[in-house]
């Protein structure tokens, strides 16, 4: 666990904007830390693979909402292309 109490992912570093959102809500942080490292990795990859800032923010907002609802991974996401070779076919420029 890092010094802020946010558990890491299996592959990706957690960006500052995601850290900030997690640290603002104790319940959200608890839900995040209850995920597996691979599930946390999927959320970070799904957020960081976006090209536009507004899309990234929308993904952060959706992550927050869905984690609080009890969801474990992003819906309709083929998986991290950096970890799963077969997911690359669904994502361009991965």
PDB file of N, CA and C in Angstrom:
ATOM      1  N   UNK A   1       0.862  -1.176   0.000  1.00  0.00           N
ATOM      2  CA  UNK A   1       0.000   0.000   0.000  1.00  0.00           C
ATOM      3  C   UNK A   1       0.903   1.232   0.000  1.00  0.00           C
ATOM      4  N   UNK A   2       0.506   2.248  -0.740  1.00  0.00           N
ATOM      5  CA  UNK A   2       1.327   3.448  -0.736  1.00  0.00           C
ATOM      6  C   UNK A   2       1.025   4.294   0.485  1.00  0.00           C
ATOM      7  N   UNK A   3       1.753   5.377   0.624  1.00  0.00           N
ATOM      8  CA  UNK A   3       1.645   6.192   1.836  1.00  0.00           C
ATOM      9  C   UNK A   3       0.267   6.831   2.022  1.00  0.00           C
ATOM     10  N   UNK A   4      -0.511   6.953   0.976  1.00  0.00           N
ATOM     11  CA  UNK A   4      -1.828   7.581   1.081  1.00  0.00           C
ATOM     12  C   UNK A   4      -2.936   6.582   1.370  1.00  0.00           C
ATOM     13  N   UNK A   5      -2.620   5.297   1.355  1.00  0.00           N
ATOM     14  CA  UNK A   5      -3.644   4.303   1.633  1.00  0.00           C
ATOM     15  C   UNK A   5      -4.380   3.805   0.408  1.00  0.00           C
ATOM     16  N   UNK A   6      -3.892   4.146  -0.771  1.00  0.00           N
ATOM     17  CA  UNK A   6      -4.507   3.679  -2.014  1.00  0.00           C
ATOM     18  C   UNK A   6      -3.730   2.459  -2.479  1.00  0.00           C
ATOM     19  N   UNK A   7      -4.408   1.330  -2.574  1.00  0.00           N
ATOM     20  CA  UNK A   7      -3.744   0.125  -3.044  1.00  0.00           C
ATOM     21  C   UNK A   7      -3.418   0.243  -4.525  1.00  0.00           C
ATOM     22  N   UNK A   8      -2.278  -0.315  -4.957  1.00  0.00           N
ATOM     23  CA  UNK A   8      -1.848  -0.198  -6.354  1.00  0.00           C
ATOM     24  C   UNK A   8      -2.586  -1.153  -7.283  1.00  0.00           C
ATOM     25  N   UNK A   9      -2.343  -0.955  -8.567  1.00  0.00           N
ATOM     26  CA  UNK A   9      -2.895  -1.848  -9.586  1.00  0.00           C
ATOM     27  C   UNK A   9      -1.868  -2.930  -9.895  1.00  0.00           C
ATOM     28  N   UNK A  10      -2.221  -3.830 -10.796  1.00  0.00           N
ATOM     29  CA  UNK A  10      -1.304  -4.893 -11.193  1.00  0.00           C
ATOM     30  C   UNK A  10      -0.236  -4.400 -12.171  1.00  0.00           C
ATOM     31  N   UNK A  11      -0.518  -3.336 -12.911  1.00  0.00           N
ATOM     32  CA  UNK A  11       0.406  -2.899 -13.958  1.00  0.00           C
ATOM     33  C   UNK A  11       0.593  -1.382 -14.002  1.00  0.00           C
ATOM     34  N   UNK A  12      -0.494  -0.643 -14.092  1.00  0.00           N
ATOM     35  CA  UNK A  12      -0.424   0.807 -14.298  1.00  0.00           C
ATOM     36  C   UNK A  12      -0.211   1.574 -12.993  1.00  0.00           C
ATOM     37  N   UNK A  13       0.504   2.691 -13.107  1.00  0.00           N
ATOM     38  CA  UNK A  13       0.600   3.637 -12.001  1.00  0.00           C
ATOM     39  C   UNK A  13      -0.742   4.367 -11.891  1.00  0.00           C
ATOM     40  N   UNK A  14      -1.114   4.747 -10.692  1.00  0.00           N
ATOM     41  CA  UNK A  14      -2.367   5.476 -10.500  1.00  0.00           C
ATOM     42  C   UNK A  14      -2.084   6.967 -10.687  1.00  0.00           C
ATOM     43  N   UNK A  15      -2.701   7.580 -11.693  1.00  0.00           N
ATOM     44  CA  UNK A  15      -2.474   9.006 -11.949  1.00  0.00           C
ATOM     45  C   UNK A  15      -3.011   9.883 -10.814  1.00  0.00           C
ATOM     46  N   UNK A  16      -2.466  11.067 -10.732  1.00  0.00           N
ATOM     47  CA  UNK A  16      -2.824  12.019  -9.666  1.00  0.00           C
ATOM     48  C   UNK A  16      -4.307  12.371  -9.679  1.00  0.00           C
ATOM     49  N   UNK A  17      -4.918  12.507 -10.866  1.00  0.00           N
ATOM     50  CA  UNK A  17      -6.331  12.886 -10.900  1.00  0.00           C
ATOM     51  C   UNK A  17      -7.220  11.781 -10.326  1.00  0.00           C
ATOM     52  N   UNK A  18      -6.843  10.532 -10.540  1.00  0.00           N
ATOM     53  CA  UNK A  18      -7.600   9.423  -9.954  1.00  0.00           C
ATOM     54  C   UNK A  18      -7.338   9.361  -8.450  1.00  0.00           C
ATOM     55  N   UNK A  19      -6.080   9.531  -8.051  1.00  0.00           N
ATOM     56  CA  UNK A  19      -5.738   9.563  -6.615  1.00  0.00           C
ATOM     57  C   UNK A  19      -6.568  10.603  -5.878  1.00  0.00           C
ATOM     58  N   UNK A  20      -6.667  11.783  -6.474  1.00  0.00           N
ATOM     59  CA  UNK A  20      -7.402  12.880  -5.842  1.00  0.00           C
ATOM     60  C   UNK A  20      -8.860  12.499  -5.593  1.00  0.00           C
ATOM     61  N   UNK A  21      -9.506  11.905  -6.588  1.00  0.00           N
ATOM     62  CA  UNK A  21     -10.906  11.498  -6.458  1.00  0.00           C
ATOM     63  C   UNK A  21     -11.059  10.440  -5.368  1.00  0.00           C
ATOM     64  N   UNK A  22     -10.144   9.489  -5.347  1.00  0.00           N
ATOM     65  CA  UNK A  22     -10.213   8.425  -4.340  1.00  0.00           C
ATOM     66  C   UNK A  22     -10.014   8.968  -2.922  1.00  0.00           C
ATOM     67  N   UNK A  23      -9.127   9.925  -2.780  1.00  0.00           N
ATOM     68  CA  UNK A  23      -8.826  10.456  -1.446  1.00  0.00           C
ATOM     69  C   UNK A  23      -9.919  11.387  -0.916  1.00  0.00           C
ATOM     70  N   UNK A  24     -10.770  11.890  -1.790  1.00  0.00           N
ATOM     71  CA  UNK A  24     -11.842  12.793  -1.358  1.00  0.00           C
ATOM     72  C   UNK A  24     -13.037  12.067  -0.752  1.00  0.00           C
ATOM     73  N   UNK A  25     -13.108  10.751  -0.937  1.00  0.00           N
ATOM     74  CA  UNK A  25     -14.277  10.000  -0.493  1.00  0.00           C
ATOM     75  C   UNK A  25     -13.827   8.696   0.162  1.00  0.00           C
ATOM     76  N   UNK A  26     -13.973   8.615   1.469  1.00  0.00           N
ATOM     77  CA  UNK A  26     -13.524   7.445   2.225  1.00  0.00           C
ATOM     78  C   UNK A  26     -14.236   6.162   1.785  1.00  0.00           C
ATOM     79  N   UNK A  27     -15.529   6.274   1.480  1.00  0.00           N
ATOM     80  CA  UNK A  27     -16.288   5.116   1.016  1.00  0.00           C
ATOM     81  C   UNK A  27     -15.777   4.637  -0.344  1.00  0.00           C
ATOM     82  N   UNK A  28     -15.500   5.569  -1.236  1.00  0.00           N
ATOM     83  CA  UNK A  28     -14.964   5.229  -2.552  1.00  0.00           C
ATOM     84  C   UNK A  28     -13.599   4.568  -2.406  1.00  0.00           C
ATOM     85  N   UNK A  29     -12.754   5.107  -1.559  1.00  0.00           N
ATOM     86  CA  UNK A  29     -11.429   4.531  -1.328  1.00  0.00           C
ATOM     87  C   UNK A  29     -11.539   3.109  -0.793  1.00  0.00           C
ATOM     88  N   UNK A  30     -12.477   2.883   0.088  1.00  0.00           N
ATOM     89  CA  UNK A  30     -12.698   1.545   0.630  1.00  0.00           C
ATOM     90  C   UNK A  30     -13.115   0.570  -0.470  1.00  0.00           C
ATOM     91  N   UNK A  31     -14.000   1.011  -1.349  1.00  0.00           N
ATOM     92  CA  UNK A  31     -14.445   0.167  -2.475  1.00  0.00           C
ATOM     93  C   UNK A  31     -13.265  -0.116  -3.412  1.00  0.00           C
ATOM     94  N   UNK A  32     -12.456   0.900  -3.685  1.00  0.00           N
ATOM     95  CA  UNK A  32     -11.274   0.747  -4.538  1.00  0.00           C
ATOM     96  C   UNK A  32     -10.325  -0.291  -3.943  1.00  0.00           C
ATOM     97  N   UNK A  33     -10.029  -0.144  -2.671  1.00  0.00           N
ATOM     98  CA  UNK A  33      -9.086  -1.043  -2.019  1.00  0.00           C
ATOM     99  C   UNK A  33      -9.611  -2.469  -1.892  1.00  0.00           C
ATOM    100  N   UNK A  34     -10.920  -2.650  -1.978  1.00  0.00           N
ATOM    101  CA  UNK A  34     -11.510  -3.986  -1.918  1.00  0.00           C
ATOM    102  C   UNK A  34     -11.410  -4.725  -3.260  1.00  0.00           C
ATOM    103  N   UNK A  35     -11.103  -4.001  -4.337  1.00  0.00           N
ATOM    104  CA  UNK A  35     -10.945  -4.619  -5.646  1.00  0.00           C
ATOM    105  C   UNK A  35      -9.635  -5.404  -5.717  1.00  0.00           C
ATOM    106  N   UNK A  36      -9.575  -6.340  -6.652  1.00  0.00           N
ATOM    107  CA  UNK A  36      -8.319  -7.031  -6.899  1.00  0.00           C
ATOM    108  C   UNK A  36      -7.365  -6.089  -7.634  1.00  0.00           C
ATOM    109  N   UNK A  37      -6.066  -6.352  -7.583  1.00  0.00           N
ATOM    110  CA  UNK A  37      -5.133  -5.514  -8.346  1.00  0.00           C
ATOM    111  C   UNK A  37      -5.455  -5.471  -9.842  1.00  0.00           C
ATOM    112  N   UNK A  38      -5.938  -6.583 -10.397  1.00  0.00           N
ATOM    113  CA  UNK A  38      -6.300  -6.587 -11.820  1.00  0.00           C
ATOM    114  C   UNK A  38      -7.531  -5.734 -12.095  1.00  0.00           C
ATOM    115  N   UNK A  39      -8.496  -5.754 -11.211  1.00  0.00           N
ATOM    116  CA  UNK A  39      -9.687  -4.920 -11.393  1.00  0.00           C
ATOM    117  C   UNK A  39      -9.311  -3.440 -11.296  1.00  0.00           C
ATOM    118  N   UNK A  40      -8.463  -3.089 -10.331  1.00  0.00           N
ATOM    119  CA  UNK A  40      -8.004  -1.694 -10.232  1.00  0.00           C
ATOM    120  C   UNK A  40      -7.254  -1.299 -11.499  1.00  0.00           C
ATOM    121  N   UNK A  41      -6.460  -2.220 -12.033  1.00  0.00           N
ATOM    122  CA  UNK A  41      -5.726  -1.972 -13.274  1.00  0.00           C
ATOM    123  C   UNK A  41      -6.679  -1.671 -14.432  1.00  0.00           C
ATOM    124  N   UNK A  42      -7.769  -2.421 -14.513  1.00  0.00           N
ATOM    125  CA  UNK A  42      -8.731  -2.204 -15.595  1.00  0.00           C
ATOM    126  C   UNK A  42      -9.320  -0.796 -15.527  1.00  0.00           C
ATOM    127  N   UNK A  43      -9.666  -0.332 -14.335  1.00  0.00           N
ATOM    128  CA  UNK A  43     -10.211   1.019 -14.190  1.00  0.00           C
ATOM    129  C   UNK A  43      -9.194   2.064 -14.635  1.00  0.00           C
ATOM    130  N   UNK A  44      -7.948   1.931 -14.175  1.00  0.00           N
ATOM    131  CA  UNK A  44      -6.931   2.924 -14.531  1.00  0.00           C
ATOM    132  C   UNK A  44      -6.673   2.920 -16.030  1.00  0.00           C
ATOM    133  N   UNK A  45      -6.543   1.757 -16.629  1.00  0.00           N
ATOM    134  CA  UNK A  45      -6.301   1.693 -18.068  1.00  0.00           C
ATOM    135  C   UNK A  45      -7.478   2.282 -18.842  1.00  0.00           C
ATOM    136  N   UNK A  46      -8.687   1.930 -18.439  1.00  0.00           N
ATOM    137  CA  UNK A  46      -9.886   2.428 -19.111  1.00  0.00           C
ATOM    138  C   UNK A  46      -9.950   3.956 -19.063  1.00  0.00           C
ATOM    139  N   UNK A  47      -9.512   4.535 -17.966  1.00  0.00           N
ATOM    140  CA  UNK A  47      -9.520   5.995 -17.823  1.00  0.00           C
ATOM    141  C   UNK A  47      -8.383   6.622 -18.620  1.00  0.00           C
ATOM    142  N   UNK A  48      -7.196   6.071 -18.527  1.00  0.00           N
ATOM    143  CA  UNK A  48      -6.024   6.717 -19.115  1.00  0.00           C
ATOM    144  C   UNK A  48      -5.871   6.492 -20.610  1.00  0.00           C
ATOM    145  N   UNK A  49      -6.582   5.565 -21.180  1.00  0.00           N
ATOM    146  CA  UNK A  49      -6.451   5.296 -22.608  1.00  0.00           C
ATOM    147  C   UNK A  49      -7.221   6.325 -23.457  1.00  0.00           C
ATOM    148  N   UNK A  50      -8.020   7.149 -22.817  1.00  0.00           N
ATOM    149  CA  UNK A  50      -8.794   8.161 -23.547  1.00  0.00           C
ATOM    150  C   UNK A  50      -7.865   9.222 -24.136  1.00  0.00           C
ATOM    151  N   UNK A  51      -8.339   9.884 -25.183  1.00  0.00           N
ATOM    152  CA  UNK A  51      -7.534  10.911 -25.846  1.00  0.00           C
ATOM    153  C   UNK A  51      -7.913  12.330 -25.420  1.00  0.00           C
ATOM    154  N   UNK A  52      -9.175  12.548 -25.127  1.00  0.00           N
ATOM    155  CA  UNK A  52      -9.646  13.895 -24.781  1.00  0.00           C
ATOM    156  C   UNK A  52      -9.799  14.042 -23.270  1.00  0.00           C
ATOM    157  N   UNK A  53      -9.484  15.231 -22.774  1.00  0.00           N
ATOM    158  CA  UNK A  53      -9.612  15.504 -21.342  1.00  0.00           C
ATOM    159  C   UNK A  53     -11.040  15.338 -20.849  1.00  0.00           C
ATOM    160  N   UNK A  54     -12.012  15.766 -21.663  1.00  0.00           N
ATOM    161  CA  UNK A  54     -13.402  15.658 -21.229  1.00  0.00           C
ATOM    162  C   UNK A  54     -13.858  14.191 -21.156  1.00  0.00           C
ATOM    163  N   UNK A  55     -13.329  13.366 -22.048  1.00  0.00           N
ATOM    164  CA  UNK A  55     -13.648  11.936 -21.995  1.00  0.00           C
ATOM    165  C   UNK A  55     -13.010  11.304 -20.767  1.00  0.00           C
ATOM    166  N   UNK A  56     -11.787  11.677 -20.492  1.00  0.00           N
ATOM    167  CA  UNK A  56     -11.099  11.165 -19.303  1.00  0.00           C
ATOM    168  C   UNK A  56     -11.877  11.532 -18.046  1.00  0.00           C
ATOM    169  N   UNK A  57     -12.323  12.779 -17.952  1.00  0.00           N
ATOM    170  CA  UNK A  57     -13.087  13.201 -16.777  1.00  0.00           C
ATOM    171  C   UNK A  57     -14.404  12.447 -16.683  1.00  0.00           C
ATOM    172  N   UNK A  58     -15.048  12.219 -17.815  1.00  0.00           N
ATOM    173  CA  UNK A  58     -16.292  11.438 -17.815  1.00  0.00           C
ATOM    174  C   UNK A  58     -16.036  10.019 -17.317  1.00  0.00           C
ATOM    175  N   UNK A  59     -14.906   9.433 -17.691  1.00  0.00           N
ATOM    176  CA  UNK A  59     -14.563   8.091 -17.231  1.00  0.00           C
ATOM    177  C   UNK A  59     -14.269   8.091 -15.721  1.00  0.00           C
ATOM    178  N   UNK A  60     -13.616   9.120 -15.234  1.00  0.00           N
ATOM    179  CA  UNK A  60     -13.361   9.221 -13.792  1.00  0.00           C
ATOM    180  C   UNK A  60     -14.684   9.337 -13.037  1.00  0.00           C
ATOM    181  N   UNK A  61     -15.575  10.174 -13.541  1.00  0.00           N
ATOM    182  CA  UNK A  61     -16.886  10.329 -12.902  1.00  0.00           C
ATOM    183  C   UNK A  61     -17.662   9.016 -12.907  1.00  0.00           C
ATOM    184  N   UNK A  62     -17.608   8.315 -14.033  1.00  0.00           N
ATOM    185  CA  UNK A  62     -18.316   7.031 -14.131  1.00  0.00           C
ATOM    186  C   UNK A  62     -17.687   5.984 -13.209  1.00  0.00           C
ATOM    187  N   UNK A  63     -16.353   5.985 -13.117  1.00  0.00           N
ATOM    188  CA  UNK A  63     -15.684   5.067 -12.198  1.00  0.00           C
ATOM    189  C   UNK A  63     -16.187   5.295 -10.775  1.00  0.00           C
ATOM    190  N   UNK A  64     -16.239   6.543 -10.382  1.00  0.00           N
ATOM    191  CA  UNK A  64     -16.705   6.893  -9.035  1.00  0.00           C
ATOM    192  C   UNK A  64     -18.122   6.369  -8.800  1.00  0.00           C
ATOM    193  N   UNK A  65     -19.015   6.674  -9.716  1.00  0.00           N
ATOM    194  CA  UNK A  65     -20.412   6.245  -9.588  1.00  0.00           C
ATOM    195  C   UNK A  65     -20.537   4.726  -9.536  1.00  0.00           C
ATOM    196  N   UNK A  66     -19.863   4.064 -10.453  1.00  0.00           N
ATOM    197  CA  UNK A  66     -20.014   2.614 -10.551  1.00  0.00           C
ATOM    198  C   UNK A  66     -19.351   1.873  -9.398  1.00  0.00           C
ATOM    199  N   UNK A  67     -18.214   2.351  -8.923  1.00  0.00           N
ATOM    200  CA  UNK A  67     -17.607   1.720  -7.751  1.00  0.00           C
ATOM    201  C   UNK A  67     -18.520   1.859  -6.537  1.00  0.00           C
ATOM    202  N   UNK A  68     -19.118   3.023  -6.370  1.00  0.00           N
ATOM    203  CA  UNK A  68     -20.033   3.227  -5.241  1.00  0.00           C
ATOM    204  C   UNK A  68     -21.284   2.364  -5.364  1.00  0.00           C
ATOM    205  N   UNK A  69     -21.650   2.009  -6.606  1.00  0.00           N
ATOM    206  CA  UNK A  69     -22.784   1.097  -6.835  1.00  0.00           C
ATOM    207  C   UNK A  69     -22.398  -0.361  -6.617  1.00  0.00           C
ATOM    208  N   UNK A  70     -21.103  -0.616  -6.468  1.00  0.00           N
ATOM    209  CA  UNK A  70     -20.639  -1.973  -6.226  1.00  0.00           C
ATOM    210  C   UNK A  70     -20.067  -2.693  -7.435  1.00  0.00           C
ATOM    211  N   UNK A  71     -19.953  -1.993  -8.560  1.00  0.00           N
ATOM    212  CA  UNK A  71     -19.392  -2.629  -9.753  1.00  0.00           C
ATOM    213  C   UNK A  71     -17.884  -2.790  -9.579  1.00  0.00           C
ATOM    214  N   UNK A  72     -17.354  -3.838 -10.179  1.00  0.00           N
ATOM    215  CA  UNK A  72     -15.944  -4.180  -9.998  1.00  0.00           C
ATOM    216  C   UNK A  72     -15.041  -3.725 -11.146  1.00  0.00           C
ATOM    217  N   UNK A  73     -15.581  -3.671 -12.357  1.00  0.00           N
ATOM    218  CA  UNK A  73     -14.787  -3.329 -13.541  1.00  0.00           C
ATOM    219  C   UNK A  73     -15.620  -2.487 -14.496  1.00  0.00           C
ATOM    220  N   UNK A  74     -14.954  -1.757 -15.403  1.00  0.00           N
ATOM    221  CA  UNK A  74     -15.702  -0.974 -16.377  1.00  0.00           C
ATOM    222  C   UNK A  74     -16.522  -1.875 -17.294  1.00  0.00           C
ATOM    223  N   UNK A  75     -17.757  -1.484 -17.508  1.00  0.00           N
ATOM    224  CA  UNK A  75     -18.645  -2.246 -18.382  1.00  0.00           C
ATOM    225  C   UNK A  75     -18.224  -2.066 -19.841  1.00  0.00           C
ATOM    226  N   UNK A  76     -18.390  -3.124 -20.596  1.00  0.00           N
ATOM    227  CA  UNK A  76     -18.180  -3.080 -22.042  1.00  0.00           C
ATOM    228  C   UNK A  76     -16.750  -2.713 -22.419  1.00  0.00           C
ATOM    229  N   UNK A  77     -15.817  -3.114 -21.631  1.00  0.00           N
ATOM    230  CA  UNK A  77     -14.393  -2.847 -21.832  1.00  0.00           C
ATOM    231  C   UNK A  77     -13.715  -4.179 -22.125  1.00  0.00           C
ATOM    232  N   UNK A  78     -13.014  -4.301 -23.258  1.00  0.00           N
ATOM    233  CA  UNK A  78     -12.405  -5.590 -23.609  1.00  0.00           C
ATOM    234  C   UNK A  78     -11.235  -5.980 -22.715  1.00  0.00           C
ATOM    235  N   UNK A  79     -10.767  -5.063 -21.915  1.00  0.00           N
ATOM    236  CA  UNK A  79      -9.656  -5.342 -21.017  1.00  0.00           C
ATOM    237  C   UNK A  79      -8.434  -4.540 -21.396  1.00  0.00           C
ATOM    238  N   UNK A  80      -7.510  -4.472 -20.484  1.00  0.00           N
ATOM    239  CA  UNK A  80      -6.289  -3.694 -20.672  1.00  0.00           C
ATOM    240  C   UNK A  80      -5.459  -4.264 -21.824  1.00  0.00           C
ATOM    241  N   UNK A  81      -5.264  -3.488 -22.896  1.00  0.00           N
ATOM    242  CA  UNK A  81      -4.475  -3.993 -24.021  1.00  0.00           C
ATOM    243  C   UNK A  81      -2.995  -4.112 -23.681  1.00  0.00           C
ATOM    244  N   UNK A  82      -2.584  -3.498 -22.580  1.00  0.00           N
ATOM    245  CA  UNK A  82      -1.194  -3.582 -22.145  1.00  0.00           C
ATOM    246  C   UNK A  82      -0.931  -4.891 -21.406  1.00  0.00           C
ATOM    247  N   UNK A  83      -2.004  -5.554 -21.013  1.00  0.00           N
ATOM    248  CA  UNK A  83      -1.907  -6.794 -20.251  1.00  0.00           C
ATOM    249  C   UNK A  83      -2.452  -7.988 -21.027  1.00  0.00           C
ATOM    250  N   UNK A  84      -3.469  -7.743 -21.839  1.00  0.00           N
ATOM    251  CA  UNK A  84      -4.131  -8.831 -22.584  1.00  0.00           C
ATOM    252  C   UNK A  84      -3.938  -8.615 -24.076  1.00  0.00           C
ATOM    253  N   UNK A  85      -3.146  -9.419 -24.674  1.00  0.00           N
ATOM    254  CA  UNK A  85      -2.850  -9.306 -26.108  1.00  0.00           C
ATOM    255  C   UNK A  85      -4.118  -9.325 -26.960  1.00  0.00           C
ATOM    256  N   UNK A  86      -5.084 -10.187 -26.621  1.00  0.00           N
ATOM    257  CA  UNK A  86      -6.295 -10.287 -27.442  1.00  0.00           C
ATOM    258  C   UNK A  86      -7.217  -9.087 -27.303  1.00  0.00           C
ATOM    259  N   UNK A  87      -6.987  -8.206 -26.329  1.00  0.00           N
ATOM    260  CA  UNK A  87      -7.799  -6.987 -26.199  1.00  0.00           C
ATOM    261  C   UNK A  87      -7.343  -5.900 -27.157  1.00  0.00           C
ATOM    262  N   UNK A  88      -6.131  -6.014 -27.686  1.00  0.00           N
ATOM    263  CA  UNK A  88      -5.602  -4.978 -28.584  1.00  0.00           C
ATOM    264  C   UNK A  88      -6.425  -4.810 -29.845  1.00  0.00           C
ATOM    265  N   UNK A  89      -7.032  -5.885 -30.311  1.00  0.00           N
ATOM    266  CA  UNK A  89      -7.805  -5.795 -31.554  1.00  0.00           C
ATOM    267  C   UNK A  89      -9.005  -4.866 -31.432  1.00  0.00           C
ATOM    268  N   UNK A  90      -9.480  -4.637 -30.210  1.00  0.00           N
ATOM    269  CA  UNK A  90     -10.652  -3.785 -29.988  1.00  0.00           C
ATOM    270  C   UNK A  90     -10.276  -2.319 -29.816  1.00  0.00           C
ATOM    271  N   UNK A  91      -9.019  -2.053 -29.598  1.00  0.00           N
ATOM    272  CA  UNK A  91      -8.573  -0.687 -29.333  1.00  0.00           C
ATOM    273  C   UNK A  91      -7.516  -0.281 -30.347  1.00  0.00           C
ATOM    274  N   UNK A  92      -7.732   0.840 -30.974  1.00  0.00           N
ATOM    275  CA  UNK A  92      -6.762   1.336 -31.945  1.00  0.00           C
ATOM    276  C   UNK A  92      -5.636   2.061 -31.216  1.00  0.00           C
ATOM    277  N   UNK A  93      -4.437   1.956 -31.748  1.00  0.00           N
ATOM    278  CA  UNK A  93      -3.251   2.653 -31.219  1.00  0.00           C
ATOM    279  C   UNK A  93      -2.949   2.309 -29.771  1.00  0.00           C
ATOM    280  N   UNK A  94      -3.122   1.087 -29.368  1.00  0.00           N
ATOM    281  CA  UNK A  94      -2.828   0.697 -27.986  1.00  0.00           C
ATOM    282  C   UNK A  94      -1.403   0.263 -27.829  1.00  0.00           C
TER     283      UNK A  94
END
